[in-house]
Amino acid sequence: MAIKTLQATVDKYKASTAAGQQAYTDGVATCDIDVVGRAIANQSALLANFNARVQDGTWARRLGAVGTQGWKQAVADKGGPAWQNGVTAAVPKFQQKMQAVLQVETGLQQQIQGMPSGTPAASDARMLAWSNGMRQAKANGAFG
């Protein structure tokens, strides 16, 4: 049996990846394992393995092998195009979160508009009312 050419191998890889996208998303959708729970339960192994790779030089060696130029090229080749897809996919979640933020901000704005203004102390009080209001809203779970 003849060994495939590099181009044939790359073409097959690209075609298989495109065809496998639906199988991948279906596999994730039908997964009955609590992957997040398992990840949380194994955080000590994550830390131990990461620390071991830092201490044995693997982490630095692999970063060095890619280098700053390699990182920049990867962003240009993959990161930039993925950015738009990620933003587009996140629009519903962003909208939901921002609705809560804007609701809190609207209430704070109304409160602050009724406060005294015109002096440095009044400006400080208004700024602190905003900051404390946002912090309190977050603590109360207003932002999910």
C-alpha atoms as a PDB file:
ATOM      1  CA  MET A   1       0.000   0.000   0.000  1.00  0.00           C
ATOM      2  CA  ALA A   2       1.379   3.362  -1.036  1.00  0.00           C
ATOM      3  CA  ILE A   3       1.905   6.057   1.575  1.00  0.00           C
ATOM      4  CA  LYS A   4      -0.265   9.110   0.977  1.00  0.00           C
ATOM      5  CA  THR A   5       1.342  12.327  -0.110  1.00  0.00           C
ATOM      6  CA  LEU A   6       1.534  15.199   2.334  1.00  0.00           C
ATOM      7  CA  GLN A   7      -1.129  17.077   0.385  1.00  0.00           C
ATOM      8  CA  ALA A   8      -3.471  14.066   0.365  1.00  0.00           C
ATOM      9  CA  THR A   9      -2.950  13.646   4.109  1.00  0.00           C
ATOM     10  CA  VAL A  10      -3.677  17.326   4.789  1.00  0.00           C
ATOM     11  CA  ASP A  11      -6.731  17.278   2.503  1.00  0.00           C
ATOM     12  CA  LYS A  12      -8.107  14.198   4.287  1.00  0.00           C
ATOM     13  CA  TYR A  13      -7.498  15.829   7.677  1.00  0.00           C
ATOM     14  CA  LYS A  14      -9.394  18.959   6.650  1.00  0.00           C
ATOM     15  CA  ALA A  15     -12.283  17.009   5.102  1.00  0.00           C
ATOM     16  CA  SER A  16     -12.580  14.686   8.088  1.00  0.00           C
ATOM     17  CA  THR A  17     -12.520  17.590  10.501  1.00  0.00           C
ATOM     18  CA  ALA A  18     -15.314  19.377   8.674  1.00  0.00           C
ATOM     19  CA  ALA A  19     -17.384  16.188   8.466  1.00  0.00           C
ATOM     20  CA  GLY A  20     -16.733  15.409  12.139  1.00  0.00           C
ATOM     21  CA  GLN A  21     -18.020  18.724  13.464  1.00  0.00           C
ATOM     22  CA  GLN A  22     -21.599  17.479  13.818  1.00  0.00           C
ATOM     23  CA  ALA A  23     -20.460  14.234  15.454  1.00  0.00           C
ATOM     24  CA  TYR A  24     -18.424  16.304  17.914  1.00  0.00           C
ATOM     25  CA  THR A  25     -21.312  18.610  18.839  1.00  0.00           C
ATOM     26  CA  ASP A  26     -23.706  15.638  19.045  1.00  0.00           C
ATOM     27  CA  GLY A  27     -21.283  13.814  21.314  1.00  0.00           C
ATOM     28  CA  VAL A  28     -21.083  16.765  23.676  1.00  0.00           C
ATOM     29  CA  ALA A  29     -24.864  17.224  23.641  1.00  0.00           C
ATOM     30  CA  THR A  30     -25.514  13.589  24.558  1.00  0.00           C
ATOM     31  CA  CYS A  31     -22.726  13.294  27.139  1.00  0.00           C
ATOM     32  CA  ASP A  32     -24.104  11.977  30.446  1.00  0.00           C
ATOM     33  CA  ILE A  33     -20.953  12.628  32.467  1.00  0.00           C
ATOM     34  CA  ASP A  34     -20.660  15.618  34.784  1.00  0.00           C
ATOM     35  CA  VAL A  35     -17.465  16.904  33.186  1.00  0.00           C
ATOM     36  CA  VAL A  36     -17.443  20.130  35.194  1.00  0.00           C
ATOM     37  CA  GLY A  37     -17.937  18.249  38.448  1.00  0.00           C
ATOM     38  CA  ARG A  38     -15.090  15.922  37.537  1.00  0.00           C
ATOM     39  CA  ALA A  39     -12.850  18.844  36.669  1.00  0.00           C
ATOM     40  CA  ILE A  40     -13.577  20.513  39.988  1.00  0.00           C
ATOM     41  CA  ALA A  41     -13.006  17.257  41.855  1.00  0.00           C
ATOM     42  CA  ASN A  42      -9.597  16.897  40.165  1.00  0.00           C
ATOM     43  CA  GLN A  43      -8.281  20.389  40.759  1.00  0.00           C
ATOM     44  CA  SER A  44      -5.507  19.098  43.021  1.00  0.00           C
ATOM     45  CA  ALA A  45      -4.233  16.924  40.148  1.00  0.00           C
ATOM     46  CA  LEU A  46      -4.419  19.935  37.813  1.00  0.00           C
ATOM     47  CA  LEU A  47      -2.283  21.993  40.169  1.00  0.00           C
ATOM     48  CA  ALA A  48       0.175  19.181  40.818  1.00  0.00           C
ATOM     49  CA  ASN A  49       0.601  18.464  37.102  1.00  0.00           C
ATOM     50  CA  PHE A  50       0.933  22.121  36.187  1.00  0.00           C
ATOM     51  CA  ASN A  51       3.461  22.763  38.939  1.00  0.00           C
ATOM     52  CA  ALA A  52       5.438  19.686  37.881  1.00  0.00           C
ATOM     53  CA  ARG A  53       5.574  20.920  34.261  1.00  0.00           C
ATOM     54  CA  VAL A  54       6.732  24.358  35.420  1.00  0.00           C
ATOM     55  CA  GLN A  55       9.387  22.884  37.687  1.00  0.00           C
ATOM     56  CA  ASP A  56      10.731  20.385  35.160  1.00  0.00           C
ATOM     57  CA  GLY A  57      11.042  23.080  32.478  1.00  0.00           C
ATOM     58  CA  THR A  58       8.382  21.739  30.093  1.00  0.00           C
ATOM     59  CA  TRP A  59       6.189  24.826  30.393  1.00  0.00           C
ATOM     60  CA  ALA A  60       9.009  27.269  29.602  1.00  0.00           C
ATOM     61  CA  ARG A  61      10.425  25.049  26.854  1.00  0.00           C
ATOM     62  CA  ARG A  62       7.104  24.804  25.043  1.00  0.00           C
ATOM     63  CA  LEU A  63       6.386  28.516  25.376  1.00  0.00           C
ATOM     64  CA  GLY A  64       9.868  29.220  24.063  1.00  0.00           C
ATOM     65  CA  ALA A  65       9.347  26.869  21.129  1.00  0.00           C
ATOM     66  CA  VAL A  66       6.317  28.890  20.018  1.00  0.00           C
ATOM     67  CA  GLY A  67       7.724  32.313  20.913  1.00  0.00           C
ATOM     68  CA  THR A  68       6.085  35.684  20.673  1.00  0.00           C
ATOM     69  CA  GLN A  69       6.071  35.601  16.875  1.00  0.00           C
ATOM     70  CA  GLY A  70       4.411  32.182  16.899  1.00  0.00           C
ATOM     71  CA  TRP A  71       1.756  33.470  19.285  1.00  0.00           C
ATOM     72  CA  LYS A  72       1.154  36.515  17.079  1.00  0.00           C
ATOM     73  CA  GLN A  73       0.894  34.322  13.980  1.00  0.00           C
ATOM     74  CA  ALA A  74      -1.566  31.954  15.694  1.00  0.00           C
ATOM     75  CA  VAL A  75      -3.742  34.911  16.653  1.00  0.00           C
ATOM     76  CA  ALA A  76      -3.616  36.207  13.079  1.00  0.00           C
ATOM     77  CA  ASP A  77      -4.404  32.768  11.632  1.00  0.00           C
ATOM     78  CA  LYS A  78      -6.932  31.420  14.136  1.00  0.00           C
ATOM     79  CA  GLY A  79      -7.621  33.744  17.042  1.00  0.00           C
ATOM     80  CA  GLY A  80      -8.878  36.664  14.999  1.00  0.00           C
ATOM     81  CA  PRO A  81     -11.403  34.661  12.982  1.00  0.00           C
ATOM     82  CA  ALA A  82     -12.505  32.756  16.094  1.00  0.00           C
ATOM     83  CA  TRP A  83     -13.109  36.060  17.897  1.00  0.00           C
ATOM     84  CA  GLN A  84     -16.096  36.977  15.721  1.00  0.00           C
ATOM     85  CA  ASN A  85     -17.593  33.487  15.998  1.00  0.00           C
ATOM     86  CA  GLY A  86     -17.242  33.611  19.777  1.00  0.00           C
ATOM     87  CA  VAL A  87     -18.795  37.051  20.040  1.00  0.00           C
ATOM     88  CA  THR A  88     -21.684  36.062  17.791  1.00  0.00           C
ATOM     89  CA  ALA A  89     -22.332  32.887  19.781  1.00  0.00           C
ATOM     90  CA  ALA A  90     -22.210  34.803  23.066  1.00  0.00           C
ATOM     91  CA  VAL A  91     -24.751  37.483  22.096  1.00  0.00           C
ATOM     92  CA  PRO A  92     -27.725  35.878  23.927  1.00  0.00           C
ATOM     93  CA  LYS A  93     -25.726  35.431  27.149  1.00  0.00           C
ATOM     94  CA  PHE A  94     -24.281  38.944  26.863  1.00  0.00           C
ATOM     95  CA  GLN A  95     -27.755  40.355  26.301  1.00  0.00           C
ATOM     96  CA  GLN A  96     -29.125  38.563  29.368  1.00  0.00           C
ATOM     97  CA  LYS A  97     -26.269  39.747  31.615  1.00  0.00           C
ATOM     98  CA  MET A  98     -26.316  43.304  30.298  1.00  0.00           C
ATOM     99  CA  GLN A  99     -30.070  43.556  30.811  1.00  0.00           C
ATOM    100  CA  ALA A 100     -29.483  42.975  34.531  1.00  0.00           C
ATOM    101  CA  VAL A 101     -26.557  45.424  34.649  1.00  0.00           C
ATOM    102  CA  LEU A 102     -28.459  48.157  32.826  1.00  0.00           C
ATOM    103  CA  GLN A 103     -31.471  47.669  35.094  1.00  0.00           C
ATOM    104  CA  VAL A 104     -29.283  48.242  38.166  1.00  0.00           C
ATOM    105  CA  GLU A 105     -27.538  51.187  36.522  1.00  0.00           C
ATOM    106  CA  THR A 106     -30.862  52.811  35.654  1.00  0.00           C
ATOM    107  CA  GLY A 107     -31.971  52.619  39.284  1.00  0.00           C
ATOM    108  CA  LEU A 108     -28.662  53.979  40.529  1.00  0.00           C
ATOM    109  CA  GLN A 109     -28.739  56.795  38.015  1.00  0.00           C
ATOM    110  CA  GLN A 110     -32.183  57.870  39.231  1.00  0.00           C
ATOM    111  CA  GLN A 111     -30.970  57.744  42.837  1.00  0.00           C
ATOM    112  CA  ILE A 112     -27.823  59.738  42.081  1.00  0.00           C
ATOM    113  CA  GLN A 113     -29.638  62.381  40.032  1.00  0.00           C
ATOM    114  CA  GLY A 114     -31.579  63.227  43.192  1.00  0.00           C
ATOM    115  CA  MET A 115     -28.410  63.714  45.243  1.00  0.00           C
ATOM    116  CA  PRO A 116     -26.716  67.087  45.796  1.00  0.00           C
ATOM    117  CA  SER A 117     -24.075  68.106  43.253  1.00  0.00           C
ATOM    118  CA  GLY A 118     -21.707  70.974  42.560  1.00  0.00           C
ATOM    119  CA  THR A 119     -19.034  70.416  45.191  1.00  0.00           C
ATOM    120  CA  PRO A 120     -16.150  67.998  45.440  1.00  0.00           C
ATOM    121  CA  ALA A 121     -17.785  66.350  48.486  1.00  0.00           C
ATOM    122  CA  ALA A 122     -21.076  65.949  46.588  1.00  0.00           C
ATOM    123  CA  SER A 123     -19.210  64.469  43.626  1.00  0.00           C
ATOM    124  CA  ASP A 124     -17.459  62.033  45.949  1.00  0.00           C
ATOM    125  CA  ALA A 125     -20.767  61.047  47.527  1.00  0.00           C
ATOM    126  CA  ARG A 126     -22.337  60.449  44.108  1.00  0.00           C
ATOM    127  CA  MET A 127     -19.344  58.387  42.970  1.00  0.00           C
ATOM    128  CA  LEU A 128     -19.442  56.304  46.146  1.00  0.00           C
ATOM    129  CA  ALA A 129     -23.198  55.800  45.811  1.00  0.00           C
ATOM    130  CA  TRP A 130     -22.615  54.393  42.315  1.00  0.00           C
ATOM    131  CA  SER A 131     -19.734  52.177  43.383  1.00  0.00           C
ATOM    132  CA  ASN A 132     -21.497  50.906  46.501  1.00  0.00           C
ATOM    133  CA  GLY A 133     -24.729  50.349  44.578  1.00  0.00           C
ATOM    134  CA  MET A 134     -22.978  48.229  41.947  1.00  0.00           C
ATOM    135  CA  ARG A 135     -21.098  46.260  44.612  1.00  0.00           C
ATOM    136  CA  GLN A 136     -24.314  45.654  46.566  1.00  0.00           C
ATOM    137  CA  ALA A 137     -26.181  44.554  43.447  1.00  0.00           C
ATOM    138  CA  LYS A 138     -23.421  42.073  42.641  1.00  0.00           C
ATOM    139  CA  ALA A 139     -23.377  40.760  46.225  1.00  0.00           C
ATOM    140  CA  ASN A 140     -27.170  40.316  46.077  1.00  0.00           C
ATOM    141  CA  GLY A 141     -26.876  38.253  42.880  1.00  0.00           C
ATOM    142  CA  ALA A 142     -28.365  40.839  40.526  1.00  0.00           C
ATOM    143  CA  PHE A 143     -25.848  39.948  37.831  1.00  0.00           C
ATOM    144  CA  GLY A 144     -26.338  36.192  37.966  1.00  0.00           C
END
